[in-house]
Every structure is written in C-alpha cells, then in structure tokens.
Amino acid sequence: MSKKCDLCGRSATKGASRSHSKIKTLQRQGINLQTKVIDGIKAKICTSCLRTMAKPKRIKAKTTDKTFAEKGLKPKKERKPKAKKKIVKK
C-alpha cells in the first residue's frame, strides 16, 4: 500500500537536512496518516483531512437589512464605480 491520503491524494515530500558545513542530505518526509473507518469503509486519511471533517457544516446566511436592524448594525453601502478621468494632451 502506498503512503497516500485516500481523500486528498497527498503523499510524501522531499526535504533536506543541512549539516554544519551546509552539506545537503535529501530525506523523505512522510505525512501523518491515520486509518479510520468512514461509512463502513476502511481508509487511510491524513490528519489535516480529519480535522476538516470534524468541522461542522457552515451555512452562509444572506444578510438583509432586517438582520442588521436586529443586531443594531448598519449595512455597508454599495460602491459605485468611479468615472475614469480623460487625459488631454496639449
């Protein structure tokens, strides 16, 4: 089995350790994989995907003047595009 996340496809990366004399020695840096059962399927998942899955689903609410009034806030004014100045050569 490869060391690869089943959700995002992330795998190991290359890194370098440097000695005091600045000699570069390449190393392989593996990712932190965890084996979890999700919906009855056993999968290898990286910890960043696990943390993302633990977050609650976020719902974007449409803000209206009514919701602003309930909170005592003023809605932002819509910006109008500025007219471009014409450059006149003499």
PDB file of N, CA and C in Angstrom:
ATOM      1  N   MET A   1       0.841  -1.182   0.000  1.00  0.00           N
ATOM      2  CA  MET A   1       0.000   0.000   0.000  1.00  0.00           C
ATOM      3  C   MET A   1       0.885   1.244   0.000  1.00  0.00           C
ATOM      4  N   SER A   2       0.483   2.213  -0.773  1.00  0.00           N
ATOM      5  CA  SER A   2       1.248   3.455  -0.804  1.00  0.00           C
ATOM      6  C   SER A   2       0.868   4.334   0.383  1.00  0.00           C
ATOM      7  N   LYS A   3       1.789   5.193   0.760  1.00  0.00           N
ATOM      8  CA  LYS A   3       1.515   6.127   1.846  1.00  0.00           C
ATOM      9  C   LYS A   3       0.922   7.379   1.228  1.00  0.00           C
ATOM     10  N   LYS A   4      -0.382   7.315   0.970  1.00  0.00           N
ATOM     11  CA  LYS A   4      -1.082   8.397   0.292  1.00  0.00           C
ATOM     12  C   LYS A   4      -2.458   8.544   0.922  1.00  0.00           C
ATOM     13  N   CYS A   5      -2.904   9.781   1.093  1.00  0.00           N
ATOM     14  CA  CYS A   5      -4.223  10.040   1.662  1.00  0.00           C
ATOM     15  C   CYS A   5      -5.294   9.647   0.643  1.00  0.00           C
ATOM     16  N   ASP A   6      -6.309   8.913   1.103  1.00  0.00           N
ATOM     17  CA  ASP A   6      -7.368   8.469   0.202  1.00  0.00           C
ATOM     18  C   ASP A   6      -8.315   9.603  -0.186  1.00  0.00           C
ATOM     19  N   LEU A   7      -8.399  10.662   0.614  1.00  0.00           N
ATOM     20  CA  LEU A   7      -9.308  11.759   0.298  1.00  0.00           C
ATOM     21  C   LEU A   7      -8.670  12.820  -0.583  1.00  0.00           C
ATOM     22  N   CYS A   8      -7.533  13.343  -0.151  1.00  0.00           N
ATOM     23  CA  CYS A   8      -6.938  14.467  -0.887  1.00  0.00           C
ATOM     24  C   CYS A   8      -5.800  14.047  -1.811  1.00  0.00           C
ATOM     25  N   GLY A   9      -5.255  12.835  -1.640  1.00  0.00           N
ATOM     26  CA  GLY A   9      -4.194  12.364  -2.519  1.00  0.00           C
ATOM     27  C   GLY A   9      -2.808  12.844  -2.149  1.00  0.00           C
ATOM     28  N   ARG A  10      -2.679  13.471  -0.978  1.00  0.00           N
ATOM     29  CA  ARG A  10      -1.369  13.957  -0.538  1.00  0.00           C
ATOM     30  C   ARG A  10      -0.456  12.786  -0.236  1.00  0.00           C
ATOM     31  N   SER A  11       0.838  12.941  -0.538  1.00  0.00           N
ATOM     32  CA  SER A  11       1.803  11.881  -0.269  1.00  0.00           C
ATOM     33  C   SER A  11       3.070  12.499   0.307  1.00  0.00           C
ATOM     34  N   ALA A  12       4.120  11.697   0.404  1.00  0.00           N
ATOM     35  CA  ALA A  12       5.371  12.150   1.000  1.00  0.00           C
ATOM     36  C   ALA A  12       6.021  13.247   0.153  1.00  0.00           C
ATOM     37  N   THR A  13       6.811  14.098   0.824  1.00  0.00           N
ATOM     38  CA  THR A  13       7.533  15.154   0.136  1.00  0.00           C
ATOM     39  C   THR A  13       9.029  15.004   0.407  1.00  0.00           C
ATOM     40  N   LYS A  14       9.825  15.730  -0.385  1.00  0.00           N
ATOM     41  CA  LYS A  14      11.263  15.708  -0.173  1.00  0.00           C
ATOM     42  C   LYS A  14      11.653  16.851   0.730  1.00  0.00           C
ATOM     43  N   GLY A  15      12.647  16.592   1.555  1.00  0.00           N
ATOM     44  CA  GLY A  15      13.192  17.632   2.407  1.00  0.00           C
ATOM     45  C   GLY A  15      14.690  17.431   2.480  1.00  0.00           C
ATOM     46  N   ALA A  16      15.369  18.374   3.072  1.00  0.00           N
ATOM     47  CA  ALA A  16      16.812  18.267   3.167  1.00  0.00           C
ATOM     48  C   ALA A  16      17.251  18.595   4.581  1.00  0.00           C
ATOM     49  N   SER A  17      18.181  17.789   5.095  1.00  0.00           N
ATOM     50  CA  SER A  17      18.812  18.147   6.356  1.00  0.00           C
ATOM     51  C   SER A  17      20.159  18.746   6.014  1.00  0.00           C
ATOM     52  N   ARG A  18      20.513  19.807   6.692  1.00  0.00           N
ATOM     53  CA  ARG A  18      21.756  20.510   6.421  1.00  0.00           C
ATOM     54  C   ARG A  18      22.693  20.330   7.610  1.00  0.00           C
ATOM     55  N   SER A  19      23.924  19.957   7.307  1.00  0.00           N
ATOM     56  CA  SER A  19      24.920  19.830   8.363  1.00  0.00           C
ATOM     57  C   SER A  19      25.540  21.192   8.641  1.00  0.00           C
ATOM     58  N   HIS A  20      26.453  21.212   9.592  1.00  0.00           N
ATOM     59  CA  HIS A  20      27.112  22.470   9.936  1.00  0.00           C
ATOM     60  C   HIS A  20      27.914  23.016   8.751  1.00  0.00           C
ATOM     61  N   SER A  21      28.423  22.112   7.911  1.00  0.00           N
ATOM     62  CA  SER A  21      29.196  22.551   6.741  1.00  0.00           C
ATOM     63  C   SER A  21      28.312  22.783   5.516  1.00  0.00           C
ATOM     64  N   LYS A  22      27.001  22.844   5.733  1.00  0.00           N
ATOM     65  CA  LYS A  22      26.000  23.141   4.696  1.00  0.00           C
ATOM     66  C   LYS A  22      25.884  22.049   3.639  1.00  0.00           C
ATOM     67  N   ILE A  23      26.275  20.816   3.966  1.00  0.00           N
ATOM     68  CA  ILE A  23      26.082  19.705   3.039  1.00  0.00           C
ATOM     69  C   ILE A  23      24.618  19.298   3.107  1.00  0.00           C
ATOM     70  N   LYS A  24      23.992  19.179   1.937  1.00  0.00           N
ATOM     71  CA  LYS A  24      22.578  18.847   1.878  1.00  0.00           C
ATOM     72  C   LYS A  24      22.413  17.336   1.744  1.00  0.00           C
ATOM     73  N   THR A  25      21.627  16.738   2.626  1.00  0.00           N
ATOM     74  CA  THR A  25      21.299  15.319   2.554  1.00  0.00           C
ATOM     75  C   THR A  25      19.784  15.215   2.386  1.00  0.00           C
ATOM     76  N   LEU A  26      19.336  14.678   1.251  1.00  0.00           N
ATOM     77  CA  LEU A  26      17.903  14.592   0.983  1.00  0.00           C
ATOM     78  C   LEU A  26      17.254  13.543   1.872  1.00  0.00           C
ATOM     79  N   GLN A  27      16.049  13.884   2.335  1.00  0.00           N
ATOM     80  CA  GLN A  27      15.275  12.981   3.166  1.00  0.00           C
ATOM     81  C   GLN A  27      13.860  12.931   2.628  1.00  0.00           C
ATOM     82  N   ARG A  28      13.165  11.882   2.950  1.00  0.00           N
ATOM     83  CA  ARG A  28      11.761  11.752   2.594  1.00  0.00           C
ATOM     84  C   ARG A  28      10.932  12.057   3.832  1.00  0.00           C
ATOM     85  N   GLN A  29      10.018  13.014   3.716  1.00  0.00           N
ATOM     86  CA  GLN A  29       9.168  13.390   4.841  1.00  0.00           C
ATOM     87  C   GLN A  29       7.774  12.839   4.593  1.00  0.00           C
ATOM     88  N   GLY A  30       7.405  11.836   5.366  1.00  0.00           N
ATOM     89  CA  GLY A  30       6.094  11.216   5.211  1.00  0.00           C
ATOM     90  C   GLY A  30       5.005  12.063   5.837  1.00  0.00           C
ATOM     91  N   ILE A  31       3.765  11.818   5.425  1.00  0.00           N
ATOM     92  CA  ILE A  31       2.635  12.543   6.004  1.00  0.00           C
ATOM     93  C   ILE A  31       2.062  11.715   7.146  1.00  0.00           C
ATOM     94  N   ASN A  32       1.304  12.363   7.995  1.00  0.00           N
ATOM     95  CA  ASN A  32       0.729  11.717   9.170  1.00  0.00           C
ATOM     96  C   ASN A  32      -0.587  11.041   8.778  1.00  0.00           C
ATOM     97  N   LEU A  33      -0.513   9.760   8.444  1.00  0.00           N
ATOM     98  CA  LEU A  33      -1.701   9.017   8.026  1.00  0.00           C
ATOM     99  C   LEU A  33      -2.320   8.283   9.206  1.00  0.00           C
ATOM    100  N   GLN A  34      -3.643   8.291   9.251  1.00  0.00           N
ATOM    101  CA  GLN A  34      -4.403   7.575  10.268  1.00  0.00           C
ATOM    102  C   GLN A  34      -5.385   6.657   9.552  1.00  0.00           C
ATOM    103  N   THR A  35      -5.550   5.452  10.060  1.00  0.00           N
ATOM    104  CA  THR A  35      -6.518   4.521   9.486  1.00  0.00           C
ATOM    105  C   THR A  35      -7.836   4.691  10.222  1.00  0.00           C
ATOM    106  N   LYS A  36      -8.891   5.049   9.492  1.00  0.00           N
ATOM    107  CA  LYS A  36     -10.208   5.271  10.089  1.00  0.00           C
ATOM    108  C   LYS A  36     -11.266   4.562   9.256  1.00  0.00           C
ATOM    109  N   VAL A  37     -12.349   4.170   9.915  1.00  0.00           N
ATOM    110  CA  VAL A  37     -13.484   3.580   9.222  1.00  0.00           C
ATOM    111  C   VAL A  37     -14.529   4.676   9.044  1.00  0.00           C
ATOM    112  N   ILE A  38     -14.816   5.006   7.794  1.00  0.00           N
ATOM    113  CA  ILE A  38     -15.777   6.057   7.473  1.00  0.00           C
ATOM    114  C   ILE A  38     -16.856   5.453   6.594  1.00  0.00           C
ATOM    115  N   ASP A  39     -18.089   5.493   7.066  1.00  0.00           N
ATOM    116  CA  ASP A  39     -19.237   4.924   6.351  1.00  0.00           C
ATOM    117  C   ASP A  39     -19.015   3.457   6.007  1.00  0.00           C
ATOM    118  N   GLY A  40     -18.378   2.710   6.901  1.00  0.00           N
ATOM    119  CA  GLY A  40     -18.148   1.288   6.704  1.00  0.00           C
ATOM    120  C   GLY A  40     -16.978   0.954   5.807  1.00  0.00           C
ATOM    121  N   ILE A  41     -16.187   1.939   5.404  1.00  0.00           N
ATOM    122  CA  ILE A  41     -15.038   1.720   4.530  1.00  0.00           C
ATOM    123  C   ILE A  41     -13.778   2.098   5.294  1.00  0.00           C
ATOM    124  N   LYS A  42     -12.800   1.209   5.297  1.00  0.00           N
ATOM    125  CA  LYS A  42     -11.543   1.473   5.967  1.00  0.00           C
ATOM    126  C   LYS A  42     -10.670   2.300   5.028  1.00  0.00           C
ATOM    127  N   ALA A  43     -10.196   3.455   5.526  1.00  0.00           N
ATOM    128  CA  ALA A  43      -9.439   4.366   4.667  1.00  0.00           C
ATOM    129  C   ALA A  43      -8.269   4.951   5.433  1.00  0.00           C
ATOM    130  N   LYS A  44      -7.200   5.264   4.669  1.00  0.00           N
ATOM    131  CA  LYS A  44      -6.057   5.981   5.241  1.00  0.00           C
ATOM    132  C   LYS A  44      -6.258   7.460   4.949  1.00  0.00           C
ATOM    133  N   ILE A  45      -6.310   8.249   6.023  1.00  0.00           N
ATOM    134  CA  ILE A  45      -6.621   9.667   5.887  1.00  0.00           C
ATOM    135  C   ILE A  45      -5.567  10.477   6.625  1.00  0.00           C
ATOM    136  N   CYS A  46      -5.099  11.564   6.008  1.00  0.00           N
ATOM    137  CA  CYS A  46      -4.129  12.423   6.682  1.00  0.00           C
ATOM    138  C   CYS A  46      -4.848  13.244   7.756  1.00  0.00           C
ATOM    139  N   THR A  47      -4.082  13.714   8.727  1.00  0.00           N
ATOM    140  CA  THR A  47      -4.678  14.400   9.870  1.00  0.00           C
ATOM    141  C   THR A  47      -5.316  15.731   9.477  1.00  0.00           C
ATOM    142  N   SER A  48      -4.808  16.388   8.440  1.00  0.00           N
ATOM    143  CA  SER A  48      -5.437  17.642   8.023  1.00  0.00           C
ATOM    144  C   SER A  48      -6.845  17.382   7.473  1.00  0.00           C
ATOM    145  N   CYS A  49      -7.036  16.255   6.793  1.00  0.00           N
ATOM    146  CA  CYS A  49      -8.381  15.901   6.315  1.00  0.00           C
ATOM    147  C   CYS A  49      -9.286  15.529   7.489  1.00  0.00           C
ATOM    148  N   LEU A  50      -8.739  14.857   8.495  1.00  0.00           N
ATOM    149  CA  LEU A  50      -9.523  14.514   9.680  1.00  0.00           C
ATOM    150  C   LEU A  50     -10.020  15.761  10.391  1.00  0.00           C
ATOM    151  N   ARG A  51      -9.162  16.758  10.515  1.00  0.00           N
ATOM    152  CA  ARG A  51      -9.563  17.997  11.187  1.00  0.00           C
ATOM    153  C   ARG A  51     -10.630  18.723  10.376  1.00  0.00           C
ATOM    154  N   THR A  52     -10.514  18.685   9.062  1.00  0.00           N
ATOM    155  CA  THR A  52     -11.510  19.338   8.215  1.00  0.00           C
ATOM    156  C   THR A  52     -12.853  18.635   8.315  1.00  0.00           C
ATOM    157  N   MET A  53     -12.822  17.297   8.389  1.00  0.00           N
ATOM    158  CA  MET A  53     -14.068  16.536   8.502  1.00  0.00           C
ATOM    159  C   MET A  53     -14.747  16.776   9.845  1.00  0.00           C
ATOM    160  N   ALA A  54     -13.989  17.098  10.887  1.00  0.00           N
ATOM    161  CA  ALA A  54     -14.553  17.308  12.216  1.00  0.00           C
ATOM    162  C   ALA A  54     -15.282  18.636  12.334  1.00  0.00           C
ATOM    163  N   LYS A  55     -15.032  19.577  11.403  1.00  0.00           N
ATOM    164  CA  LYS A  55     -15.684  20.877  11.474  1.00  0.00           C
ATOM    165  C   LYS A  55     -17.164  20.742  11.130  1.00  0.00           C
ATOM    166  N   PRO A  56     -18.008  21.539  11.782  1.00  0.00           N
ATOM    167  CA  PRO A  56     -19.430  21.496  11.424  1.00  0.00           C
ATOM    168  C   PRO A  56     -19.656  22.127  10.060  1.00  0.00           C
ATOM    169  N   LYS A  57     -20.695  21.699   9.389  1.00  0.00           N
ATOM    170  CA  LYS A  57     -21.039  22.282   8.099  1.00  0.00           C
ATOM    171  C   LYS A  57     -21.463  23.723   8.313  1.00  0.00           C
ATOM    172  N   ARG A  58     -20.926  24.612   7.509  1.00  0.00           N
ATOM    173  CA  ARG A  58     -21.217  26.022   7.680  1.00  0.00           C
ATOM    174  C   ARG A  58     -22.220  26.466   6.631  1.00  0.00           C
ATOM    175  N   ILE A  59     -23.215  27.195   7.091  1.00  0.00           N
ATOM    176  CA  ILE A  59     -24.256  27.693   6.200  1.00  0.00           C
ATOM    177  C   ILE A  59     -24.099  29.195   6.082  1.00  0.00           C
ATOM    178  N   LYS A  60     -23.974  29.664   4.854  1.00  0.00           N
ATOM    179  CA  LYS A  60     -23.864  31.097   4.633  1.00  0.00           C
ATOM    180  C   LYS A  60     -25.260  31.693   4.586  1.00  0.00           C
ATOM    181  N   ALA A  61     -25.548  32.552   5.548  1.00  0.00           N
ATOM    182  CA  ALA A  61     -26.855  33.192   5.603  1.00  0.00           C
ATOM    183  C   ALA A  61     -26.807  34.490   4.817  1.00  0.00           C
ATOM    184  N   LYS A  62     -27.879  34.753   4.116  1.00  0.00           N
ATOM    185  CA  LYS A  62     -27.953  36.010   3.380  1.00  0.00           C
ATOM    186  C   LYS A  62     -28.268  37.125   4.373  1.00  0.00           C
ATOM    187  N   THR A  63     -27.474  38.149   4.357  1.00  0.00           N
ATOM    188  CA  THR A  63     -27.706  39.257   5.277  1.00  0.00           C
ATOM    189  C   THR A  63     -28.659  40.240   4.633  1.00  0.00           C
ATOM    190  N   THR A  64     -29.625  40.632   5.401  1.00  0.00           N
ATOM    191  CA  THR A  64     -30.593  41.603   4.914  1.00  0.00           C
ATOM    192  C   THR A  64     -30.616  42.781   5.868  1.00  0.00           C
ATOM    193  N   ASP A  65     -31.322  43.819   5.481  1.00  0.00           N
ATOM    194  CA  ASP A  65     -31.441  44.994   6.337  1.00  0.00           C
ATOM    195  C   ASP A  65     -32.129  44.635   7.644  1.00  0.00           C
ATOM    196  N   LYS A  66     -33.037  43.651   7.606  1.00  0.00           N
ATOM    197  CA  LYS A  66     -33.770  43.249   8.803  1.00  0.00           C
ATOM    198  C   LYS A  66     -32.818  42.630   9.839  1.00  0.00           C
ATOM    199  N   THR A  67     -31.912  41.752   9.377  1.00  0.00           N
ATOM    200  CA  THR A  67     -30.980  41.131  10.315  1.00  0.00           C
ATOM    201  C   THR A  67     -29.996  42.148  10.868  1.00  0.00           C
ATOM    202  N   PHE A  68     -29.629  43.147  10.055  1.00  0.00           N
ATOM    203  CA  PHE A  68     -28.758  44.198  10.538  1.00  0.00           C
ATOM    204  C   PHE A  68     -29.471  45.025  11.601  1.00  0.00           C
ATOM    205  N   ALA A  69     -30.755  45.297  11.377  1.00  0.00           N
ATOM    206  CA  ALA A  69     -31.511  46.109  12.322  1.00  0.00           C
ATOM    207  C   ALA A  69     -31.655  45.386  13.657  1.00  0.00           C
ATOM    208  N   GLU A  70     -31.818  44.045  13.623  1.00  0.00           N
ATOM    209  CA  GLU A  70     -31.945  43.274  14.855  1.00  0.00           C
ATOM    210  C   GLU A  70     -30.671  43.363  15.684  1.00  0.00           C
ATOM    211  N   LYS A  71     -29.523  43.395  15.022  1.00  0.00           N
ATOM    212  CA  LYS A  71     -28.245  43.461  15.727  1.00  0.00           C
ATOM    213  C   LYS A  71     -27.803  44.885  16.005  1.00  0.00           C
ATOM    214  N   GLY A  72     -28.534  45.864  15.498  1.00  0.00           N
ATOM    215  CA  GLY A  72     -28.180  47.260  15.718  1.00  0.00           C
ATOM    216  C   GLY A  72     -27.037  47.720  14.843  1.00  0.00           C
ATOM    217  N   LEU A  73     -26.874  47.119  13.676  1.00  0.00           N
ATOM    218  CA  LEU A  73     -25.796  47.480  12.762  1.00  0.00           C
ATOM    219  C   LEU A  73     -26.357  48.148  11.527  1.00  0.00           C
ATOM    220  N   LYS A  74     -25.495  48.839  10.817  1.00  0.00           N
ATOM    221  CA  LYS A  74     -25.877  49.442   9.545  1.00  0.00           C
ATOM    222  C   LYS A  74     -25.239  48.643   8.422  1.00  0.00           C
ATOM    223  N   PRO A  75     -25.999  48.339   7.375  1.00  0.00           N
ATOM    224  CA  PRO A  75     -25.399  47.613   6.248  1.00  0.00           C
ATOM    225  C   PRO A  75     -24.419  48.495   5.494  1.00  0.00           C
ATOM    226  N   LYS A  76     -23.439  47.853   4.854  1.00  0.00           N
ATOM    227  CA  LYS A  76     -22.461  48.596   4.064  1.00  0.00           C
ATOM    228  C   LYS A  76     -23.134  49.181   2.837  1.00  0.00           C
ATOM    229  N   LYS A  77     -22.696  50.366   2.481  1.00  0.00           N
ATOM    230  CA  LYS A  77     -23.236  51.000   1.280  1.00  0.00           C
ATOM    231  C   LYS A  77     -22.596  50.374   0.058  1.00  0.00           C
ATOM    232  N   GLU A  78     -23.378  50.238  -0.991  1.00  0.00           N
ATOM    233  CA  GLU A  78     -22.839  49.694  -2.229  1.00  0.00           C
ATOM    234  C   GLU A  78     -21.968  50.748  -2.905  1.00  0.00           C
ATOM    235  N   ARG A  79     -20.836  50.321  -3.379  1.00  0.00           N
ATOM    236  CA  ARG A  79     -19.928  51.243  -4.045  1.00  0.00           C
ATOM    237  C   ARG A  79     -20.314  51.416  -5.502  1.00  0.00           C
ATOM    238  N   LYS A  80     -20.228  52.649  -5.953  1.00  0.00           N
ATOM    239  CA  LYS A  80     -20.456  52.921  -7.360  1.00  0.00           C
ATOM    240  C   LYS A  80     -19.095  53.063  -8.016  1.00  0.00           C
ATOM    241  N   PRO A  81     -18.917  52.520  -9.209  1.00  0.00           N
ATOM    242  CA  PRO A  81     -17.611  52.653  -9.861  1.00  0.00           C
ATOM    243  C   PRO A  81     -17.330  54.112 -10.203  1.00  0.00           C
ATOM    244  N   LYS A  82     -16.083  54.516  -9.942  1.00  0.00           N
ATOM    245  CA  LYS A  82     -15.697  55.887 -10.230  1.00  0.00           C
ATOM    246  C   LYS A  82     -15.490  56.068 -11.732  1.00  0.00           C
ATOM    247  N   ALA A  83     -15.843  57.263 -12.210  1.00  0.00           N
ATOM    248  CA  ALA A  83     -15.660  57.566 -13.632  1.00  0.00           C
ATOM    249  C   ALA A  83     -14.178  57.809 -13.888  1.00  0.00           C
ATOM    250  N   LYS A  84     -13.680  57.289 -14.996  1.00  0.00           N
ATOM    251  CA  LYS A  84     -12.275  57.470 -15.340  1.00  0.00           C
ATOM    252  C   LYS A  84     -12.061  58.871 -15.899  1.00  0.00           C
ATOM    253  N   LYS A  85     -10.941  59.475 -15.476  1.00  0.00           N
ATOM    254  CA  LYS A  85     -10.610  60.799 -15.965  1.00  0.00           C
ATOM    255  C   LYS A  85      -9.973  60.706 -17.350  1.00  0.00           C
ATOM    256  N   LYS A  86     -10.363  61.606 -18.211  1.00  0.00           N
ATOM    257  CA  LYS A  86      -9.794  61.627 -19.546  1.00  0.00           C
ATOM    258  C   LYS A  86      -8.535  62.466 -19.530  1.00  0.00           C
ATOM    259  N   ILE A  87      -7.500  61.951 -20.150  1.00  0.00           N
ATOM    260  CA  ILE A  87      -6.235  62.672 -20.231  1.00  0.00           C
ATOM    261  C   ILE A  87      -6.200  63.404 -21.562  1.00  0.00           C
ATOM    262  N   VAL A  88      -6.025  64.717 -21.485  1.00  0.00           N
ATOM    263  CA  VAL A  88      -5.995  65.542 -22.683  1.00  0.00           C
ATOM    264  C   VAL A  88      -4.569  65.988 -22.913  1.00  0.00           C
ATOM    265  N   LYS A  89      -4.019  65.659 -24.105  1.00  0.00           N
ATOM    266  CA  LYS A  89      -2.660  66.099 -24.439  1.00  0.00           C
ATOM    267  C   LYS A  89      -2.725  67.439 -25.144  1.00  0.00           C
ATOM    268  N   LYS A  90      -1.807  68.319 -24.785  1.00  0.00           N
ATOM    269  CA  LYS A  90      -1.777  69.649 -25.397  1.00  0.00           C
ATOM    270  C   LYS A  90      -0.722  69.734 -26.460  1.00  0.00           C
TER     271      LYS A  90
END
